[in-house]
PDB file of N, CA and C in Angstrom:
ATOM      1  N   UNK A   1     -16.241  16.563 -18.917  1.00  0.00           N
ATOM      2  CA  UNK A   1     -15.191  15.642 -19.269  1.00  0.00           C
ATOM      3  C   UNK A   1     -15.828  14.347 -19.780  1.00  0.00           C
ATOM      4  N   UNK A   2     -15.338  13.852 -20.868  1.00  0.00           N
ATOM      5  CA  UNK A   2     -15.886  12.629 -21.470  1.00  0.00           C
ATOM      6  C   UNK A   2     -15.527  11.412 -20.623  1.00  0.00           C
ATOM      7  N   UNK A   3     -16.446  10.456 -20.514  1.00  0.00           N
ATOM      8  CA  UNK A   3     -16.150   9.256 -19.732  1.00  0.00           C
ATOM      9  C   UNK A   3     -15.044   8.425 -20.389  1.00  0.00           C
ATOM     10  N   UNK A   4     -14.233   7.844 -19.538  1.00  0.00           N
ATOM     11  CA  UNK A   4     -13.152   6.972 -19.998  1.00  0.00           C
ATOM     12  C   UNK A   4     -13.720   5.593 -20.318  1.00  0.00           C
ATOM     13  N   UNK A   5     -13.090   4.842 -21.215  1.00  0.00           N
ATOM     14  CA  UNK A   5     -13.547   3.475 -21.479  1.00  0.00           C
ATOM     15  C   UNK A   5     -13.428   2.577 -20.247  1.00  0.00           C
ATOM     16  N   UNK A   6     -12.555   2.965 -19.290  1.00  0.00           N
ATOM     17  CA  UNK A   6     -12.361   2.173 -18.080  1.00  0.00           C
ATOM     18  C   UNK A   6     -13.446   2.430 -17.032  1.00  0.00           C
ATOM     19  N   UNK A   7     -14.235   3.503 -17.203  1.00  0.00           N
ATOM     20  CA  UNK A   7     -15.246   3.849 -16.203  1.00  0.00           C
ATOM     21  C   UNK A   7     -16.249   2.734 -15.961  1.00  0.00           C
ATOM     22  N   UNK A   8     -16.608   1.996 -16.976  1.00  0.00           N
ATOM     23  CA  UNK A   8     -17.578   0.923 -16.779  1.00  0.00           C
ATOM     24  C   UNK A   8     -16.924  -0.367 -16.287  1.00  0.00           C
ATOM     25  N   UNK A   9     -15.597  -0.490 -16.445  1.00  0.00           N
ATOM     26  CA  UNK A   9     -14.907  -1.724 -16.052  1.00  0.00           C
ATOM     27  C   UNK A   9     -14.360  -1.679 -14.632  1.00  0.00           C
ATOM     28  N   UNK A  10     -14.026  -0.499 -14.130  1.00  0.00           N
ATOM     29  CA  UNK A  10     -13.422  -0.378 -12.807  1.00  0.00           C
ATOM     30  C   UNK A  10     -14.428   0.180 -11.809  1.00  0.00           C
ATOM     31  N   UNK A  11     -14.517  -0.404 -10.629  1.00  0.00           N
ATOM     32  CA  UNK A  11     -15.487   0.065  -9.637  1.00  0.00           C
ATOM     33  C   UNK A  11     -15.042   1.366  -8.967  1.00  0.00           C
ATOM     34  N   UNK A  12     -16.021   2.143  -8.469  1.00  0.00           N
ATOM     35  CA  UNK A  12     -15.702   3.373  -7.734  1.00  0.00           C
ATOM     36  C   UNK A  12     -15.146   3.081  -6.352  1.00  0.00           C
ATOM     37  N   UNK A  13     -15.515   1.933  -5.785  1.00  0.00           N
ATOM     38  CA  UNK A  13     -15.016   1.550  -4.457  1.00  0.00           C
ATOM     39  C   UNK A  13     -14.417   0.164  -4.556  1.00  0.00           C
ATOM     40  N   UNK A  14     -13.348  -0.048  -3.776  1.00  0.00           N
ATOM     41  CA  UNK A  14     -12.713  -1.364  -3.795  1.00  0.00           C
ATOM     42  C   UNK A  14     -12.111  -1.662  -2.428  1.00  0.00           C
ATOM     43  N   UNK A  15     -12.090  -2.924  -2.088  1.00  0.00           N
ATOM     44  CA  UNK A  15     -11.476  -3.399  -0.859  1.00  0.00           C
ATOM     45  C   UNK A  15     -10.568  -4.553  -1.256  1.00  0.00           C
ATOM     46  N   UNK A  16      -9.352  -4.539  -0.736  1.00  0.00           N
ATOM     47  CA  UNK A  16      -8.430  -5.583  -1.146  1.00  0.00           C
ATOM     48  C   UNK A  16      -7.312  -5.804  -0.152  1.00  0.00           C
ATOM     49  N   UNK A  17      -6.409  -6.670  -0.536  1.00  0.00           N
ATOM     50  CA  UNK A  17      -5.255  -7.020   0.281  1.00  0.00           C
ATOM     51  C   UNK A  17      -4.002  -6.687  -0.514  1.00  0.00           C
ATOM     52  N   UNK A  18      -3.052  -6.047   0.139  1.00  0.00           N
ATOM     53  CA  UNK A  18      -1.760  -5.725  -0.455  1.00  0.00           C
ATOM     54  C   UNK A  18      -0.681  -6.561   0.190  1.00  0.00           C
ATOM     55  N   UNK A  19       0.177  -7.141  -0.610  1.00  0.00           N
ATOM     56  CA  UNK A  19       1.405  -7.742  -0.107  1.00  0.00           C
ATOM     57  C   UNK A  19       2.504  -7.050  -0.877  1.00  0.00           C
ATOM     58  N   UNK A  20       3.438  -6.424  -0.157  1.00  0.00           N
ATOM     59  CA  UNK A  20       4.433  -5.630  -0.862  1.00  0.00           C
ATOM     60  C   UNK A  20       5.840  -5.796  -0.335  1.00  0.00           C
ATOM     61  N   UNK A  21       6.758  -5.193  -1.089  1.00  0.00           N
ATOM     62  CA  UNK A  21       8.182  -5.256  -0.802  1.00  0.00           C
ATOM     63  C   UNK A  21       8.761  -3.872  -1.022  1.00  0.00           C
ATOM     64  N   UNK A  22       9.521  -3.375  -0.059  1.00  0.00           N
ATOM     65  CA  UNK A  22      10.194  -2.082  -0.160  1.00  0.00           C
ATOM     66  C   UNK A  22      11.696  -2.368  -0.197  1.00  0.00           C
ATOM     67  N   UNK A  23      12.307  -2.398  -1.394  1.00  0.00           N
ATOM     68  CA  UNK A  23      13.706  -2.808  -1.503  1.00  0.00           C
ATOM     69  C   UNK A  23      14.728  -1.691  -1.303  1.00  0.00           C
ATOM     70  N   UNK A  24      14.363  -0.445  -1.498  1.00  0.00           N
ATOM     71  CA  UNK A  24      15.337   0.639  -1.521  1.00  0.00           C
ATOM     72  C   UNK A  24      15.175   1.569  -0.319  1.00  0.00           C
ATOM     73  N   UNK A  25      15.712   1.153   0.814  1.00  0.00           N
ATOM     74  CA  UNK A  25      15.685   1.991   2.013  1.00  0.00           C
ATOM     75  C   UNK A  25      17.075   2.573   2.236  1.00  0.00           C
ATOM     76  N   UNK A  26      17.133   3.738   2.839  1.00  0.00           N
ATOM     77  CA  UNK A  26      18.436   4.394   3.054  1.00  0.00           C
ATOM     78  C   UNK A  26      19.180   3.807   4.252  1.00  0.00           C
ATOM     79  N   UNK A  27      20.403   4.204   4.431  1.00  0.00           N
ATOM     80  CA  UNK A  27      21.247   3.826   5.570  1.00  0.00           C
ATOM     81  C   UNK A  27      21.467   2.327   5.702  1.00  0.00           C
ATOM     82  N   UNK A  28      21.397   1.603   4.621  1.00  0.00           N
ATOM     83  CA  UNK A  28      21.679   0.173   4.673  1.00  0.00           C
ATOM     84  C   UNK A  28      20.664  -0.649   5.439  1.00  0.00           C
ATOM     85  N   UNK A  29      19.440  -0.137   5.621  1.00  0.00           N
ATOM     86  CA  UNK A  29      18.404  -0.908   6.302  1.00  0.00           C
ATOM     87  C   UNK A  29      18.024  -2.105   5.439  1.00  0.00           C
ATOM     88  N   UNK A  30      17.559  -3.142   6.087  1.00  0.00           N
ATOM     89  CA  UNK A  30      17.153  -4.346   5.354  1.00  0.00           C
ATOM     90  C   UNK A  30      15.876  -4.089   4.560  1.00  0.00           C
ATOM     91  N   UNK A  31      15.677  -4.890   3.521  1.00  0.00           N
ATOM     92  CA  UNK A  31      14.426  -4.809   2.756  1.00  0.00           C
ATOM     93  C   UNK A  31      13.253  -5.022   3.696  1.00  0.00           C
ATOM     94  N   UNK A  32      12.116  -4.438   3.352  1.00  0.00           N
ATOM     95  CA  UNK A  32      10.932  -4.547   4.193  1.00  0.00           C
ATOM     96  C   UNK A  32       9.785  -5.164   3.409  1.00  0.00           C
ATOM     97  N   UNK A  33       9.061  -6.066   4.042  1.00  0.00           N
ATOM     98  CA  UNK A  33       7.841  -6.649   3.492  1.00  0.00           C
ATOM     99  C   UNK A  33       6.657  -6.097   4.264  1.00  0.00           C
ATOM    100  N   UNK A  34       5.494  -6.092   3.652  1.00  0.00           N
ATOM    101  CA  UNK A  34       4.292  -5.664   4.367  1.00  0.00           C
ATOM    102  C   UNK A  34       3.060  -6.373   3.819  1.00  0.00           C
ATOM    103  N   UNK A  35       2.066  -6.469   4.680  1.00  0.00           N
ATOM    104  CA  UNK A  35       0.766  -7.028   4.339  1.00  0.00           C
ATOM    105  C   UNK A  35      -0.276  -6.043   4.851  1.00  0.00           C
ATOM    106  N   UNK A  36      -1.181  -5.603   3.983  1.00  0.00           N
ATOM    107  CA  UNK A  36      -2.151  -4.571   4.348  1.00  0.00           C
ATOM    108  C   UNK A  36      -3.551  -4.907   3.832  1.00  0.00           C
ATOM    109  N   UNK A  37      -4.533  -4.422   4.545  1.00  0.00           N
ATOM    110  CA  UNK A  37      -5.916  -4.402   4.073  1.00  0.00           C
ATOM    111  C   UNK A  37      -6.127  -2.997   3.531  1.00  0.00           C
ATOM    112  N   UNK A  38      -6.535  -2.890   2.259  1.00  0.00           N
ATOM    113  CA  UNK A  38      -6.607  -1.597   1.589  1.00  0.00           C
ATOM    114  C   UNK A  38      -8.012  -1.316   1.082  1.00  0.00           C
ATOM    115  N   UNK A  39      -8.439  -0.087   1.265  1.00  0.00           N
ATOM    116  CA  UNK A  39      -9.683   0.387   0.688  1.00  0.00           C
ATOM    117  C   UNK A  39      -9.384   1.497  -0.305  1.00  0.00           C
ATOM    118  N   UNK A  40     -10.089   1.529  -1.410  1.00  0.00           N
ATOM    119  CA  UNK A  40      -9.919   2.567  -2.431  1.00  0.00           C
ATOM    120  C   UNK A  40     -11.269   3.196  -2.726  1.00  0.00           C
ATOM    121  N   UNK A  41     -11.236   4.492  -2.997  1.00  0.00           N
ATOM    122  CA  UNK A  41     -12.436   5.237  -3.348  1.00  0.00           C
ATOM    123  C   UNK A  41     -12.157   5.995  -4.635  1.00  0.00           C
ATOM    124  N   UNK A  42     -13.055   5.888  -5.578  1.00  0.00           N
ATOM    125  CA  UNK A  42     -12.945   6.563  -6.880  1.00  0.00           C
ATOM    126  C   UNK A  42     -11.636   6.263  -7.597  1.00  0.00           C
ATOM    127  N   UNK A  43     -11.129   5.059  -7.418  1.00  0.00           N
ATOM    128  CA  UNK A  43      -9.931   4.568  -8.096  1.00  0.00           C
ATOM    129  C   UNK A  43      -8.691   5.406  -7.834  1.00  0.00           C
ATOM    130  N   UNK A  44      -8.741   6.370  -6.916  1.00  0.00           N
ATOM    131  CA  UNK A  44      -7.579   7.224  -6.696  1.00  0.00           C
ATOM    132  C   UNK A  44      -7.173   7.284  -5.224  1.00  0.00           C
ATOM    133  N   UNK A  45      -8.134   7.524  -4.352  1.00  0.00           N
ATOM    134  CA  UNK A  45      -7.824   7.689  -2.931  1.00  0.00           C
ATOM    135  C   UNK A  45      -7.775   6.331  -2.246  1.00  0.00           C
ATOM    136  N   UNK A  46      -6.743   6.119  -1.433  1.00  0.00           N
ATOM    137  CA  UNK A  46      -6.640   4.839  -0.750  1.00  0.00           C
ATOM    138  C   UNK A  46      -6.208   5.004   0.700  1.00  0.00           C
ATOM    139  N   UNK A  47      -6.624   4.067   1.538  1.00  0.00           N
ATOM    140  CA  UNK A  47      -6.206   4.012   2.934  1.00  0.00           C
ATOM    141  C   UNK A  47      -5.980   2.543   3.275  1.00  0.00           C
ATOM    142  N   UNK A  48      -4.826   2.250   3.882  1.00  0.00           N
ATOM    143  CA  UNK A  48      -4.465   0.870   4.193  1.00  0.00           C
ATOM    144  C   UNK A  48      -3.974   0.759   5.623  1.00  0.00           C
ATOM    145  N   UNK A  49      -4.324  -0.343   6.256  1.00  0.00           N
ATOM    146  CA  UNK A  49      -3.820  -0.684   7.588  1.00  0.00           C
ATOM    147  C   UNK A  49      -3.173  -2.045   7.487  1.00  0.00           C
ATOM    148  N   UNK A  50      -2.011  -2.197   8.122  1.00  0.00           N
ATOM    149  CA  UNK A  50      -1.343  -3.483   7.988  1.00  0.00           C
ATOM    150  C   UNK A  50      -0.188  -3.681   8.937  1.00  0.00           C
ATOM    151  N   UNK A  51       0.694  -4.591   8.546  1.00  0.00           N
ATOM    152  CA  UNK A  51       1.824  -5.014   9.361  1.00  0.00           C
ATOM    153  C   UNK A  51       3.059  -5.066   8.474  1.00  0.00           C
ATOM    154  N   UNK A  52       4.165  -4.527   8.957  1.00  0.00           N
ATOM    155  CA  UNK A  52       5.405  -4.557   8.202  1.00  0.00           C
ATOM    156  C   UNK A  52       6.504  -5.254   8.987  1.00  0.00           C
ATOM    157  N   UNK A  53       7.444  -5.855   8.265  1.00  0.00           N
ATOM    158  CA  UNK A  53       8.576  -6.494   8.933  1.00  0.00           C
ATOM    159  C   UNK A  53       9.782  -6.481   8.007  1.00  0.00           C
ATOM    160  N   UNK A  54      10.978  -6.447   8.627  1.00  0.00           N
ATOM    161  CA  UNK A  54      12.207  -6.489   7.864  1.00  0.00           C
ATOM    162  C   UNK A  54      12.577  -7.931   7.556  1.00  0.00           C
ATOM    163  N   UNK A  55      13.110  -8.159   6.369  1.00  0.00           N
ATOM    164  CA  UNK A  55      13.501  -9.498   5.934  1.00  0.00           C
ATOM    165  C   UNK A  55      14.674  -9.976   6.786  1.00  0.00           C
ATOM    166  N   UNK A  56      14.534 -11.166   7.370  1.00  0.00           N
ATOM    167  CA  UNK A  56      15.621 -11.768   8.126  1.00  0.00           C
ATOM    168  C   UNK A  56      15.884 -11.157   9.486  1.00  0.00           C
ATOM    169  N   UNK A  57      14.909 -10.500  10.085  1.00  0.00           N
ATOM    170  CA  UNK A  57      15.133  -9.892  11.391  1.00  0.00           C
ATOM    171  C   UNK A  57      13.906  -9.949  12.269  1.00  0.00           C
ATOM    172  N   UNK A  58      14.047  -9.473  13.498  1.00  0.00           N
ATOM    173  CA  UNK A  58      12.923  -9.423  14.437  1.00  0.00           C
ATOM    174  C   UNK A  58      12.242  -8.066  14.450  1.00  0.00           C
ATOM    175  N   UNK A  59      12.552  -7.222  13.515  1.00  0.00           N
ATOM    176  CA  UNK A  59      11.979  -5.882  13.451  1.00  0.00           C
ATOM    177  C   UNK A  59      10.644  -5.959  12.721  1.00  0.00           C
ATOM    178  N   UNK A  60       9.550  -5.625  13.433  1.00  0.00           N
ATOM    179  CA  UNK A  60       8.212  -5.684  12.847  1.00  0.00           C
ATOM    180  C   UNK A  60       7.268  -4.775  13.610  1.00  0.00           C
ATOM    181  N   UNK A  61       6.127  -4.456  13.017  1.00  0.00           N
ATOM    182  CA  UNK A  61       5.146  -3.631  13.697  1.00  0.00           C
ATOM    183  C   UNK A  61       4.048  -3.135  12.762  1.00  0.00           C
ATOM    184  N   UNK A  62       3.097  -2.381  13.323  1.00  0.00           N
ATOM    185  CA  UNK A  62       1.948  -1.897  12.548  1.00  0.00           C
ATOM    186  C   UNK A  62       2.324  -0.739  11.620  1.00  0.00           C
ATOM    187  N   UNK A  63       1.520  -0.590  10.585  1.00  0.00           N
ATOM    188  CA  UNK A  63       1.720   0.536   9.673  1.00  0.00           C
ATOM    189  C   UNK A  63       0.397   0.974   9.078  1.00  0.00           C
ATOM    190  N   UNK A  64       0.395   2.220   8.582  1.00  0.00           N
ATOM    191  CA  UNK A  64      -0.773   2.794   7.931  1.00  0.00           C
ATOM    192  C   UNK A  64      -0.299   3.550   6.701  1.00  0.00           C
ATOM    193  N   UNK A  65      -1.037   3.427   5.617  1.00  0.00           N
ATOM    194  CA  UNK A  65      -0.660   4.062   4.357  1.00  0.00           C
ATOM    195  C   UNK A  65      -1.844   4.839   3.793  1.00  0.00           C
ATOM    196  N   UNK A  66      -1.590   6.075   3.391  1.00  0.00           N
ATOM    197  CA  UNK A  66      -2.569   6.878   2.657  1.00  0.00           C
ATOM    198  C   UNK A  66      -2.004   7.055   1.251  1.00  0.00           C
ATOM    199  N   UNK A  67      -2.873   6.952   0.243  1.00  0.00           N
ATOM    200  CA  UNK A  67      -2.376   7.066  -1.125  1.00  0.00           C
ATOM    201  C   UNK A  67      -3.329   7.874  -1.996  1.00  0.00           C
ATOM    202  N   UNK A  68      -2.743   8.457  -3.023  1.00  0.00           N
ATOM    203  CA  UNK A  68      -3.503   9.117  -4.071  1.00  0.00           C
ATOM    204  C   UNK A  68      -2.870   8.688  -5.384  1.00  0.00           C
ATOM    205  N   UNK A  69      -3.582   7.837  -6.116  1.00  0.00           N
ATOM    206  CA  UNK A  69      -3.002   7.264  -7.329  1.00  0.00           C
ATOM    207  C   UNK A  69      -1.767   6.463  -6.955  1.00  0.00           C
ATOM    208  N   UNK A  70      -0.653   6.660  -7.637  1.00  0.00           N
ATOM    209  CA  UNK A  70       0.558   5.903  -7.315  1.00  0.00           C
ATOM    210  C   UNK A  70       1.386   6.511  -6.174  1.00  0.00           C
ATOM    211  N   UNK A  71       1.050   7.703  -5.713  1.00  0.00           N
ATOM    212  CA  UNK A  71       1.797   8.352  -4.635  1.00  0.00           C
ATOM    213  C   UNK A  71       1.293   7.879  -3.284  1.00  0.00           C
ATOM    214  N   UNK A  72       2.218   7.674  -2.342  1.00  0.00           N
ATOM    215  CA  UNK A  72       1.796   7.216  -1.025  1.00  0.00           C
ATOM    216  C   UNK A  72       2.587   7.876   0.092  1.00  0.00           C
ATOM    217  N   UNK A  73       1.987   7.864   1.271  1.00  0.00           N
ATOM    218  CA  UNK A  73       2.605   8.308   2.516  1.00  0.00           C
ATOM    219  C   UNK A  73       2.354   7.188   3.515  1.00  0.00           C
ATOM    220  N   UNK A  74       3.434   6.553   3.998  1.00  0.00           N
ATOM    221  CA  UNK A  74       3.297   5.396   4.882  1.00  0.00           C
ATOM    222  C   UNK A  74       4.003   5.671   6.202  1.00  0.00           C
ATOM    223  N   UNK A  75       3.278   5.518   7.285  1.00  0.00           N
ATOM    224  CA  UNK A  75       3.851   5.631   8.622  1.00  0.00           C
ATOM    225  C   UNK A  75       3.841   4.265   9.280  1.00  0.00           C
ATOM    226  N   UNK A  76       4.936   3.929   9.955  1.00  0.00           N
ATOM    227  CA  UNK A  76       4.995   2.631  10.627  1.00  0.00           C
ATOM    228  C   UNK A  76       5.767   2.762  11.925  1.00  0.00           C
ATOM    229  N   UNK A  77       5.473   1.872  12.852  1.00  0.00           N
ATOM    230  CA  UNK A  77       6.235   1.779  14.088  1.00  0.00           C
ATOM    231  C   UNK A  77       6.756   0.355  14.181  1.00  0.00           C
ATOM    232  N   UNK A  78       8.049   0.189  13.979  1.00  0.00           N
ATOM    233  CA  UNK A  78       8.653  -1.126  14.004  1.00  0.00           C
ATOM    234  C   UNK A  78       9.460  -1.294  15.284  1.00  0.00           C
ATOM    235  N   UNK A  79       9.243  -2.399  15.990  1.00  0.00           N
ATOM    236  CA  UNK A  79       9.959  -2.662  17.236  1.00  0.00           C
ATOM    237  C   UNK A  79      11.464  -2.674  16.979  1.00  0.00           C
ATOM    238  N   UNK A  80      12.202  -1.995  17.798  1.00  0.00           N
ATOM    239  CA  UNK A  80      13.642  -1.936  17.631  1.00  0.00           C
ATOM    240  C   UNK A  80      14.107  -0.910  16.614  1.00  0.00           C
ATOM    241  N   UNK A  81      13.211  -0.359  15.815  1.00  0.00           N
ATOM    242  CA  UNK A  81      13.575   0.618  14.794  1.00  0.00           C
ATOM    243  C   UNK A  81      12.922   1.973  15.069  1.00  0.00           C
ATOM    244  N   UNK A  82      11.742   1.956  15.706  1.00  0.00           N
ATOM    245  CA  UNK A  82      11.038   3.208  15.984  1.00  0.00           C
ATOM    246  C   UNK A  82      10.076   3.578  14.874  1.00  0.00           C
ATOM    247  N   UNK A  83       9.739   4.850  14.821  1.00  0.00           N
ATOM    248  CA  UNK A  83       8.776   5.349  13.846  1.00  0.00           C
ATOM    249  C   UNK A  83       9.471   5.657  12.523  1.00  0.00           C
ATOM    250  N   UNK A  84       8.845   5.231  11.446  1.00  0.00           N
ATOM    251  CA  UNK A  84       9.374   5.465  10.106  1.00  0.00           C
ATOM    252  C   UNK A  84       8.284   6.127   9.274  1.00  0.00           C
ATOM    253  N   UNK A  85       8.662   7.104   8.478  1.00  0.00           N
ATOM    254  CA  UNK A  85       7.734   7.755   7.560  1.00  0.00           C
ATOM    255  C   UNK A  85       8.324   7.655   6.158  1.00  0.00           C
ATOM    256  N   UNK A  86       7.586   7.038   5.252  1.00  0.00           N
ATOM    257  CA  UNK A  86       8.029   6.886   3.866  1.00  0.00           C
ATOM    258  C   UNK A  86       7.087   7.652   2.946  1.00  0.00           C
ATOM    259  N   UNK A  87       7.652   8.353   2.002  1.00  0.00           N
ATOM    260  CA  UNK A  87       6.886   9.021   0.955  1.00  0.00           C
ATOM    261  C   UNK A  87       7.418   8.452  -0.349  1.00  0.00           C
ATOM    262  N   UNK A  88       6.534   8.021  -1.226  1.00  0.00           N
ATOM    263  CA  UNK A  88       7.057   7.411  -2.432  1.00  0.00           C
ATOM    264  C   UNK A  88       6.048   7.231  -3.539  1.00  0.00           C
ATOM    265  N   UNK A  89       6.487   6.476  -4.509  1.00  0.00           N
ATOM    266  CA  UNK A  89       5.723   6.161  -5.705  1.00  0.00           C
ATOM    267  C   UNK A  89       5.612   4.641  -5.763  1.00  0.00           C
ATOM    268  N   UNK A  90       4.412   4.115  -5.727  1.00  0.00           N
ATOM    269  CA  UNK A  90       4.186   2.675  -5.688  1.00  0.00           C
ATOM    270  C   UNK A  90       3.974   2.114  -7.091  1.00  0.00           C
ATOM    271  N   UNK A  91       4.634   1.014  -7.356  1.00  0.00           N
ATOM    272  CA  UNK A  91       4.395   0.247  -8.582  1.00  0.00           C
ATOM    273  C   UNK A  91       3.576  -0.956  -8.133  1.00  0.00           C
ATOM    274  N   UNK A  92       2.311  -0.970  -8.485  1.00  0.00           N
ATOM    275  CA  UNK A  92       1.394  -1.992  -7.988  1.00  0.00           C
ATOM    276  C   UNK A  92       0.713  -2.727  -9.129  1.00  0.00           C
ATOM    277  N   UNK A  93       1.270  -3.837  -9.566  1.00  0.00           N
ATOM    278  CA  UNK A  93       0.484  -4.632 -10.504  1.00  0.00           C
ATOM    279  C   UNK A  93      -0.727  -5.174  -9.769  1.00  0.00           C
ATOM    280  N   UNK A  94      -1.859  -5.152 -10.395  1.00  0.00           N
ATOM    281  CA  UNK A  94      -3.106  -5.523  -9.723  1.00  0.00           C
ATOM    282  C   UNK A  94      -3.738  -6.748 -10.347  1.00  0.00           C
ATOM    283  N   UNK A  95      -4.405  -7.499  -9.505  1.00  0.00           N
ATOM    284  CA  UNK A  95      -5.245  -8.594  -9.939  1.00  0.00           C
ATOM    285  C   UNK A  95      -6.605  -8.321  -9.307  1.00  0.00           C
ATOM    286  N   UNK A  96      -7.628  -8.213 -10.096  1.00  0.00           N
ATOM    287  CA  UNK A  96      -8.933  -7.814  -9.571  1.00  0.00           C
ATOM    288  C   UNK A  96     -10.011  -8.810  -9.972  1.00  0.00           C
ATOM    289  N   UNK A  97     -10.850  -9.111  -9.003  1.00  0.00           N
ATOM    290  CA  UNK A  97     -12.074  -9.878  -9.250  1.00  0.00           C
ATOM    291  C   UNK A  97     -13.218  -8.893  -9.015  1.00  0.00           C
ATOM    292  N   UNK A  98     -14.037  -8.693 -10.006  1.00  0.00           N
ATOM    293  CA  UNK A  98     -15.122  -7.717  -9.917  1.00  0.00           C
ATOM    294  C   UNK A  98     -16.443  -8.429 -10.121  1.00  0.00           C
ATOM    295  N   UNK A  99     -17.383  -8.129  -9.263  1.00  0.00           N
ATOM    296  CA  UNK A  99     -18.718  -8.687  -9.419  1.00  0.00           C
ATOM    297  C   UNK A  99     -19.750  -7.610  -9.158  1.00  0.00           C
ATOM    298  N   UNK A 100     -20.935  -7.831  -9.656  1.00  0.00           N
ATOM    299  CA  UNK A 100     -22.021  -6.867  -9.433  1.00  0.00           C
ATOM    300  C   UNK A 100     -23.302  -7.637  -9.160  1.00  0.00           C
ATOM    301  N   UNK A 101     -24.210  -6.947  -8.541  1.00  0.00           N
ATOM    302  CA  UNK A 101     -25.509  -7.555  -8.236  1.00  0.00           C
ATOM    303  C   UNK A 101     -26.554  -7.039  -9.179  1.00  0.00           C
TER     304      UNK A 101
END
């Protein structure tokens, strides 16, 4: 397979911070915000650990997300809500600072 023009610009490994918003939850649940520390390998596989909370409420707790490209599987335990499992497609505009030695 021929190398992509992005191969030299994007790193194989990355560590970053995600701040996100989940607006479309079922059953009239409130929108959810989250903050995660994310690691990526080969620009496709990702694993994130973080904290999620509902907007305007006391519902909050830890969460973990596994991703492959834009697809993700997120498990969370929110106080007062219990365990939640989300499967979805993430739209993630990125801002990257890249350096090399």
